[in-house]
Amino acid sequence: MTSRARNHGFTLIELVITISLMVMIMAMVVPSVSNITGINLKTSASRLAGAIRFTYDLAARKNSSFRVVFDLDENTYWVESSSEKFLLDRQKTEVSDGELQPPDEEKRSRRFTSRSFIESGDMWKPKSRASFSDFAGPMTKKAKLPDGISIDDVWVEHQDDRVTAGKAYLYCFPTGMTERAVIHLVDDDQDVYTLSVEALLGSVKIYPQYVEGPEE
């Protein structure tokens, strides 16, 4: 074998070894797509829980009604506020085919009333729903979930069923209360994280599994 041939063969062996080492290093350093999605799911659940808790605190500090809006079609959420007095209706909001339905104005009734509110005559005046608008802030602007992560469903106490499409709303009040709620986030591997919201404290518990809501 000539010197040229020996050099050529040695170079091929080096190339094979180098490629093998690169493959091993890439396998060790770069996480799999599944692992990335799992990390994104956990992070998304934590960020959403933080946004809910922040909104709860914000309502008390600003002495105004706030709500977290969930857009299940776009997999986004954001915070809105209202400067008007807002009370939930006694009649639960109907959910049909997974979507919230417009309230029946004839069946609307206020959950909470005070004596002064009744005596003032305001109780008998025509009522319109309080208007909400986007609340500007780094923690309240619209946030979109990462690719591969979606809002599977949202149950909030004022609904009669889970919402699986369209929009859902979680209200926070200046009195230091919110609503019980259960939100499920899911990834492409069908891994699920559950966020459970407590009404009195506004705390949010996160479970790395599917936890059924009170309505189930």
C-alpha atoms as a PDB file:
ATOM      1  CA  MET A   1       0.000   0.000   0.000  1.00  0.00           C
ATOM      2  CA  THR A   2       1.363   3.391  -0.958  1.00  0.00           C
ATOM      3  CA  SER A   3       1.834   6.257   1.465  1.00  0.00           C
ATOM      4  CA  ARG A   4      -0.920   8.187  -0.326  1.00  0.00           C
ATOM      5  CA  ALA A   5      -3.397   5.350   0.137  1.00  0.00           C
ATOM      6  CA  ARG A   6      -2.532   4.975   3.823  1.00  0.00           C
ATOM      7  CA  ASN A   7      -3.092   8.701   4.391  1.00  0.00           C
ATOM      8  CA  HIS A   8      -6.428   8.558   2.580  1.00  0.00           C
ATOM      9  CA  GLY A   9      -7.637   5.604   4.691  1.00  0.00           C
ATOM     10  CA  PHE A  10      -6.596   7.295   7.936  1.00  0.00           C
ATOM     11  CA  THR A  11      -8.527  10.422   6.977  1.00  0.00           C
ATOM     12  CA  LEU A  12     -11.738   8.427   6.418  1.00  0.00           C
ATOM     13  CA  ILE A  13     -11.425   6.787   9.833  1.00  0.00           C
ATOM     14  CA  GLU A  14     -10.936  10.183  11.444  1.00  0.00           C
ATOM     15  CA  LEU A  15     -14.029  11.466   9.669  1.00  0.00           C
ATOM     16  CA  VAL A  16     -16.147   8.565  10.900  1.00  0.00           C
ATOM     17  CA  ILE A  17     -14.920   9.016  14.473  1.00  0.00           C
ATOM     18  CA  THR A  18     -15.537  12.773  14.345  1.00  0.00           C
ATOM     19  CA  ILE A  19     -19.096  12.349  13.051  1.00  0.00           C
ATOM     20  CA  SER A  20     -19.815   9.722  15.713  1.00  0.00           C
ATOM     21  CA  LEU A  21     -18.568  12.027  18.459  1.00  0.00           C
ATOM     22  CA  MET A  22     -20.666  14.907  17.137  1.00  0.00           C
ATOM     23  CA  VAL A  23     -23.786  12.754  17.122  1.00  0.00           C
ATOM     24  CA  MET A  24     -23.143  11.666  20.712  1.00  0.00           C
ATOM     25  CA  ILE A  25     -22.545  15.229  21.871  1.00  0.00           C
ATOM     26  CA  MET A  26     -25.689  16.499  20.133  1.00  0.00           C
ATOM     27  CA  ALA A  27     -27.732  13.732  21.734  1.00  0.00           C
ATOM     28  CA  MET A  28     -26.446  14.718  25.167  1.00  0.00           C
ATOM     29  CA  VAL A  29     -26.706  18.491  24.826  1.00  0.00           C
ATOM     30  CA  VAL A  30     -29.823  19.089  22.740  1.00  0.00           C
ATOM     31  CA  PRO A  31     -33.039  17.965  24.476  1.00  0.00           C
ATOM     32  CA  SER A  32     -35.624  16.153  22.450  1.00  0.00           C
ATOM     33  CA  VAL A  33     -38.656  17.918  21.021  1.00  0.00           C
ATOM     34  CA  SER A  34     -40.811  16.091  23.550  1.00  0.00           C
ATOM     35  CA  ASN A  35     -38.721  17.394  26.453  1.00  0.00           C
ATOM     36  CA  ILE A  36     -38.890  20.940  25.104  1.00  0.00           C
ATOM     37  CA  THR A  37     -42.677  20.720  24.863  1.00  0.00           C
ATOM     38  CA  GLY A  38     -42.861  19.362  28.406  1.00  0.00           C
ATOM     39  CA  ILE A  39     -40.765  22.250  29.701  1.00  0.00           C
ATOM     40  CA  ASN A  40     -42.945  24.727  27.799  1.00  0.00           C
ATOM     41  CA  LEU A  41     -46.098  23.192  29.299  1.00  0.00           C
ATOM     42  CA  LYS A  42     -44.793  23.531  32.858  1.00  0.00           C
ATOM     43  CA  THR A  43     -43.549  27.072  32.236  1.00  0.00           C
ATOM     44  CA  SER A  44     -46.842  28.103  30.617  1.00  0.00           C
ATOM     45  CA  ALA A  45     -48.817  26.802  33.593  1.00  0.00           C
ATOM     46  CA  SER A  46     -46.594  28.750  36.008  1.00  0.00           C
ATOM     47  CA  ARG A  47     -46.891  31.971  34.001  1.00  0.00           C
ATOM     48  CA  LEU A  48     -50.656  31.698  33.736  1.00  0.00           C
ATOM     49  CA  ALA A  49     -50.932  31.034  37.472  1.00  0.00           C
ATOM     50  CA  GLY A  50     -48.819  34.139  38.101  1.00  0.00           C
ATOM     51  CA  ALA A  51     -51.044  36.229  35.837  1.00  0.00           C
ATOM     52  CA  ILE A  52     -54.176  35.091  37.695  1.00  0.00           C
ATOM     53  CA  ARG A  53     -52.665  35.823  41.091  1.00  0.00           C
ATOM     54  CA  PHE A  54     -51.429  39.213  39.875  1.00  0.00           C
ATOM     55  CA  THR A  55     -54.925  40.084  38.620  1.00  0.00           C
ATOM     56  CA  TYR A  56     -56.424  39.098  41.977  1.00  0.00           C
ATOM     57  CA  ASP A  57     -54.024  41.419  43.805  1.00  0.00           C
ATOM     58  CA  LEU A  58     -54.535  44.160  41.225  1.00  0.00           C
ATOM     59  CA  ALA A  59     -58.305  44.230  41.788  1.00  0.00           C
ATOM     60  CA  ALA A  60     -57.812  44.910  45.488  1.00  0.00           C
ATOM     61  CA  ARG A  61     -55.088  47.529  44.959  1.00  0.00           C
ATOM     62  CA  LYS A  62     -56.990  49.412  42.263  1.00  0.00           C
ATOM     63  CA  ASN A  63     -60.390  48.952  43.965  1.00  0.00           C
ATOM     64  CA  SER A  64     -61.866  47.916  40.616  1.00  0.00           C
ATOM     65  CA  SER A  65     -63.201  44.805  38.959  1.00  0.00           C
ATOM     66  CA  PHE A  66     -60.793  42.874  36.788  1.00  0.00           C
ATOM     67  CA  ARG A  67     -61.018  39.738  34.715  1.00  0.00           C
ATOM     68  CA  VAL A  68     -58.674  37.313  33.004  1.00  0.00           C
ATOM     69  CA  VAL A  69     -59.838  36.593  29.456  1.00  0.00           C
ATOM     70  CA  PHE A  70     -59.048  33.186  27.955  1.00  0.00           C
ATOM     71  CA  ASP A  71     -59.279  32.847  24.172  1.00  0.00           C
ATOM     72  CA  LEU A  72     -59.318  29.104  23.579  1.00  0.00           C
ATOM     73  CA  ASP A  73     -59.346  29.440  19.787  1.00  0.00           C
ATOM     74  CA  GLU A  74     -56.194  31.576  19.717  1.00  0.00           C
ATOM     75  CA  ASN A  75     -54.577  30.035  22.840  1.00  0.00           C
ATOM     76  CA  THR A  76     -54.068  33.474  24.346  1.00  0.00           C
ATOM     77  CA  TYR A  77     -55.009  35.202  27.588  1.00  0.00           C
ATOM     78  CA  TRP A  78     -54.957  38.777  28.858  1.00  0.00           C
ATOM     79  CA  VAL A  79     -56.320  41.047  31.587  1.00  0.00           C
ATOM     80  CA  GLU A  80     -59.170  43.555  31.364  1.00  0.00           C
ATOM     81  CA  SER A  81     -60.573  46.019  33.898  1.00  0.00           C
ATOM     82  CA  SER A  82     -63.756  47.999  34.426  1.00  0.00           C
ATOM     83  CA  SER A  83     -64.293  51.293  36.214  1.00  0.00           C
ATOM     84  CA  GLU A  84     -67.991  50.491  36.574  1.00  0.00           C
ATOM     85  CA  LYS A  85     -69.670  48.541  39.370  1.00  0.00           C
ATOM     86  CA  PHE A  86     -69.856  44.902  38.378  1.00  0.00           C
ATOM     87  CA  LEU A  87     -71.737  42.072  40.042  1.00  0.00           C
ATOM     88  CA  LEU A  88     -72.172  38.532  38.824  1.00  0.00           C
ATOM     89  CA  ASP A  89     -75.661  37.401  37.932  1.00  0.00           C
ATOM     90  CA  ARG A  90     -77.374  34.803  40.070  1.00  0.00           C
ATOM     91  CA  GLN A  91     -78.234  32.895  36.921  1.00  0.00           C
ATOM     92  CA  LYS A  92     -75.246  30.854  35.767  1.00  0.00           C
ATOM     93  CA  THR A  93     -73.971  31.608  32.287  1.00  0.00           C
ATOM     94  CA  GLU A  94     -75.053  28.940  29.843  1.00  0.00           C
ATOM     95  CA  VAL A  95     -72.446  26.966  27.936  1.00  0.00           C
ATOM     96  CA  SER A  96     -73.652  25.278  24.756  1.00  0.00           C
ATOM     97  CA  ASP A  97     -71.453  23.208  22.442  1.00  0.00           C
ATOM     98  CA  GLY A  98     -68.487  24.240  24.547  1.00  0.00           C
ATOM     99  CA  GLU A  99     -69.028  28.011  24.130  1.00  0.00           C
ATOM    100  CA  LEU A 100     -70.449  30.703  26.395  1.00  0.00           C
ATOM    101  CA  GLN A 101     -73.882  31.921  25.357  1.00  0.00           C
ATOM    102  CA  PRO A 102     -75.162  35.522  25.609  1.00  0.00           C
ATOM    103  CA  PRO A 103     -77.037  36.074  28.903  1.00  0.00           C
ATOM    104  CA  ASP A 104     -80.825  35.988  28.929  1.00  0.00           C
ATOM    105  CA  GLU A 105     -81.636  39.566  29.984  1.00  0.00           C
ATOM    106  CA  GLU A 106     -85.061  38.570  31.293  1.00  0.00           C
ATOM    107  CA  LYS A 107     -83.535  36.089  33.732  1.00  0.00           C
ATOM    108  CA  ARG A 108     -80.708  38.320  34.947  1.00  0.00           C
ATOM    109  CA  SER A 109     -80.673  39.045  38.660  1.00  0.00           C
ATOM    110  CA  ARG A 110     -77.979  40.412  40.915  1.00  0.00           C
ATOM    111  CA  ARG A 111     -76.205  38.090  43.302  1.00  0.00           C
ATOM    112  CA  PHE A 112     -75.412  40.737  45.903  1.00  0.00           C
ATOM    113  CA  THR A 113     -77.537  43.738  46.908  1.00  0.00           C
ATOM    114  CA  SER A 114     -77.339  46.177  49.786  1.00  0.00           C
ATOM    115  CA  ARG A 115     -80.105  48.033  51.592  1.00  0.00           C
ATOM    116  CA  SER A 116     -78.822  51.392  50.366  1.00  0.00           C
ATOM    117  CA  PHE A 117     -78.774  50.057  46.811  1.00  0.00           C
ATOM    118  CA  ILE A 118     -82.439  49.026  47.095  1.00  0.00           C
ATOM    119  CA  GLU A 119     -83.579  52.251  48.809  1.00  0.00           C
ATOM    120  CA  SER A 120     -81.795  54.456  46.269  1.00  0.00           C
ATOM    121  CA  GLY A 121     -84.029  53.123  43.536  1.00  0.00           C
ATOM    122  CA  ASP A 122     -81.041  52.099  41.439  1.00  0.00           C
ATOM    123  CA  MET A 123     -82.091  48.470  41.740  1.00  0.00           C
ATOM    124  CA  TRP A 124     -85.150  49.125  39.594  1.00  0.00           C
ATOM    125  CA  LYS A 125     -83.434  51.143  36.897  1.00  0.00           C
ATOM    126  CA  PRO A 126     -82.587  49.534  33.547  1.00  0.00           C
ATOM    127  CA  LYS A 127     -79.244  47.794  33.888  1.00  0.00           C
ATOM    128  CA  SER A 128     -76.499  47.364  31.347  1.00  0.00           C
ATOM    129  CA  ARG A 129     -73.520  45.086  31.708  1.00  0.00           C
ATOM    130  CA  ALA A 130     -70.305  46.730  32.869  1.00  0.00           C
ATOM    131  CA  SER A 131     -67.845  47.308  30.057  1.00  0.00           C
ATOM    132  CA  PHE A 132     -64.324  45.923  30.318  1.00  0.00           C
ATOM    133  CA  SER A 133     -61.253  47.047  28.403  1.00  0.00           C
ATOM    134  CA  ASP A 134     -57.612  45.984  28.160  1.00  0.00           C
ATOM    135  CA  PHE A 135     -55.511  46.949  31.163  1.00  0.00           C
ATOM    136  CA  ALA A 136     -52.065  48.157  30.107  1.00  0.00           C
ATOM    137  CA  GLY A 137     -49.142  46.587  31.918  1.00  0.00           C
ATOM    138  CA  PRO A 138     -46.287  44.123  31.421  1.00  0.00           C
ATOM    139  CA  MET A 139     -48.096  41.412  33.409  1.00  0.00           C
ATOM    140  CA  THR A 140     -51.526  42.031  31.896  1.00  0.00           C
ATOM    141  CA  LYS A 141     -50.966  42.328  28.134  1.00  0.00           C
ATOM    142  CA  LYS A 142     -52.012  39.569  25.766  1.00  0.00           C
ATOM    143  CA  ALA A 143     -49.864  36.460  26.091  1.00  0.00           C
ATOM    144  CA  LYS A 144     -49.824  33.619  23.574  1.00  0.00           C
ATOM    145  CA  LEU A 145     -48.994  30.081  24.581  1.00  0.00           C
ATOM    146  CA  PRO A 146     -45.978  28.459  22.864  1.00  0.00           C
ATOM    147  CA  ASP A 147     -46.484  26.267  19.819  1.00  0.00           C
ATOM    148  CA  GLY A 148     -47.675  22.832  20.841  1.00  0.00           C
ATOM    149  CA  ILE A 149     -49.415  24.122  23.994  1.00  0.00           C
ATOM    150  CA  SER A 150     -53.131  24.871  24.120  1.00  0.00           C
ATOM    151  CA  ILE A 151     -55.915  25.713  26.550  1.00  0.00           C
ATOM    152  CA  ASP A 152     -57.963  22.521  26.617  1.00  0.00           C
ATOM    153  CA  ASP A 153     -60.890  23.802  28.688  1.00  0.00           C
ATOM    154  CA  VAL A 154     -61.865  26.378  31.294  1.00  0.00           C
ATOM    155  CA  TRP A 155     -64.436  26.000  34.065  1.00  0.00           C
ATOM    156  CA  VAL A 156     -65.320  29.064  36.140  1.00  0.00           C
ATOM    157  CA  GLU A 157     -67.895  29.141  38.919  1.00  0.00           C
ATOM    158  CA  HIS A 158     -70.381  31.376  37.084  1.00  0.00           C
ATOM    159  CA  GLN A 159     -70.583  28.913  34.142  1.00  0.00           C
ATOM    160  CA  ASP A 160     -72.898  25.905  34.043  1.00  0.00           C
ATOM    161  CA  ASP A 161     -70.329  23.793  32.172  1.00  0.00           C
ATOM    162  CA  ARG A 162     -66.772  23.788  30.837  1.00  0.00           C
ATOM    163  CA  VAL A 163     -65.812  26.088  27.976  1.00  0.00           C
ATOM    164  CA  THR A 164     -63.814  24.381  25.220  1.00  0.00           C
ATOM    165  CA  ALA A 165     -64.020  27.014  22.473  1.00  0.00           C
ATOM    166  CA  GLY A 166     -64.354  30.761  22.122  1.00  0.00           C
ATOM    167  CA  LYS A 167     -63.714  32.900  25.213  1.00  0.00           C
ATOM    168  CA  ALA A 168     -64.019  32.353  28.960  1.00  0.00           C
ATOM    169  CA  TYR A 169     -63.710  34.885  31.802  1.00  0.00           C
ATOM    170  CA  LEU A 170     -62.394  34.695  35.353  1.00  0.00           C
ATOM    171  CA  TYR A 171     -63.502  37.700  37.442  1.00  0.00           C
ATOM    172  CA  CYS A 172     -61.619  39.275  40.356  1.00  0.00           C
ATOM    173  CA  PHE A 173     -63.308  41.786  42.655  1.00  0.00           C
ATOM    174  CA  PRO A 174     -62.060  44.713  44.768  1.00  0.00           C
ATOM    175  CA  THR A 175     -63.497  42.972  47.849  1.00  0.00           C
ATOM    176  CA  GLY A 176     -60.605  40.489  47.702  1.00  0.00           C
ATOM    177  CA  MET A 177     -62.505  37.647  46.117  1.00  0.00           C
ATOM    178  CA  THR A 178     -62.430  35.814  42.846  1.00  0.00           C
ATOM    179  CA  GLU A 179     -64.210  32.732  41.531  1.00  0.00           C
ATOM    180  CA  ARG A 180     -63.376  29.076  41.799  1.00  0.00           C
ATOM    181  CA  ALA A 181     -61.931  27.970  38.505  1.00  0.00           C
ATOM    182  CA  VAL A 182     -60.197  25.009  36.875  1.00  0.00           C
ATOM    183  CA  ILE A 183     -58.079  25.457  33.749  1.00  0.00           C
ATOM    184  CA  HIS A 184     -56.450  22.648  31.807  1.00  0.00           C
ATOM    185  CA  LEU A 185     -53.408  23.164  29.580  1.00  0.00           C
ATOM    186  CA  VAL A 186     -52.380  20.373  27.207  1.00  0.00           C
ATOM    187  CA  ASP A 187     -49.493  19.750  24.825  1.00  0.00           C
ATOM    188  CA  ASP A 188     -49.181  17.770  21.595  1.00  0.00           C
ATOM    189  CA  ASP A 189     -48.210  14.652  23.579  1.00  0.00           C
ATOM    190  CA  GLN A 190     -51.510  14.964  25.499  1.00  0.00           C
ATOM    191  CA  ASP A 191     -49.687  15.760  28.731  1.00  0.00           C
ATOM    192  CA  VAL A 192     -51.911  17.925  30.941  1.00  0.00           C
ATOM    193  CA  TYR A 193     -51.347  20.530  33.639  1.00  0.00           C
ATOM    194  CA  THR A 194     -54.265  21.622  35.833  1.00  0.00           C
ATOM    195  CA  LEU A 195     -54.604  25.066  37.424  1.00  0.00           C
ATOM    196  CA  SER A 196     -57.077  25.220  40.309  1.00  0.00           C
ATOM    197  CA  VAL A 197     -58.088  28.698  41.542  1.00  0.00           C
ATOM    198  CA  GLU A 198     -59.351  29.239  45.093  1.00  0.00           C
ATOM    199  CA  ALA A 199     -62.118  31.838  45.453  1.00  0.00           C
ATOM    200  CA  LEU A 200     -61.328  33.385  48.837  1.00  0.00           C
ATOM    201  CA  LEU A 201     -57.546  33.677  48.677  1.00  0.00           C
ATOM    202  CA  GLY A 202     -56.981  33.914  44.945  1.00  0.00           C
ATOM    203  CA  SER A 203     -54.310  31.231  45.232  1.00  0.00           C
ATOM    204  CA  VAL A 204     -53.603  28.966  42.276  1.00  0.00           C
ATOM    205  CA  LYS A 205     -52.557  25.353  42.705  1.00  0.00           C
ATOM    206  CA  ILE A 206     -50.767  23.631  39.823  1.00  0.00           C
ATOM    207  CA  TYR A 207     -50.992  19.882  39.235  1.00  0.00           C
ATOM    208  CA  PRO A 208     -48.887  18.062  36.572  1.00  0.00           C
ATOM    209  CA  GLN A 209     -51.893  15.916  35.678  1.00  0.00           C
ATOM    210  CA  TYR A 210     -55.582  16.148  34.812  1.00  0.00           C
ATOM    211  CA  VAL A 211     -57.657  17.105  37.853  1.00  0.00           C
ATOM    212  CA  GLU A 212     -61.402  17.193  37.433  1.00  0.00           C
ATOM    213  CA  GLY A 213     -63.317  20.368  38.198  1.00  0.00           C
ATOM    214  CA  PRO A 214     -66.314  20.615  40.559  1.00  0.00           C
ATOM    215  CA  GLU A 215     -68.741  20.328  37.646  1.00  0.00           C
ATOM    216  CA  GLU A 216     -67.436  16.921  36.523  1.00  0.00           C
END
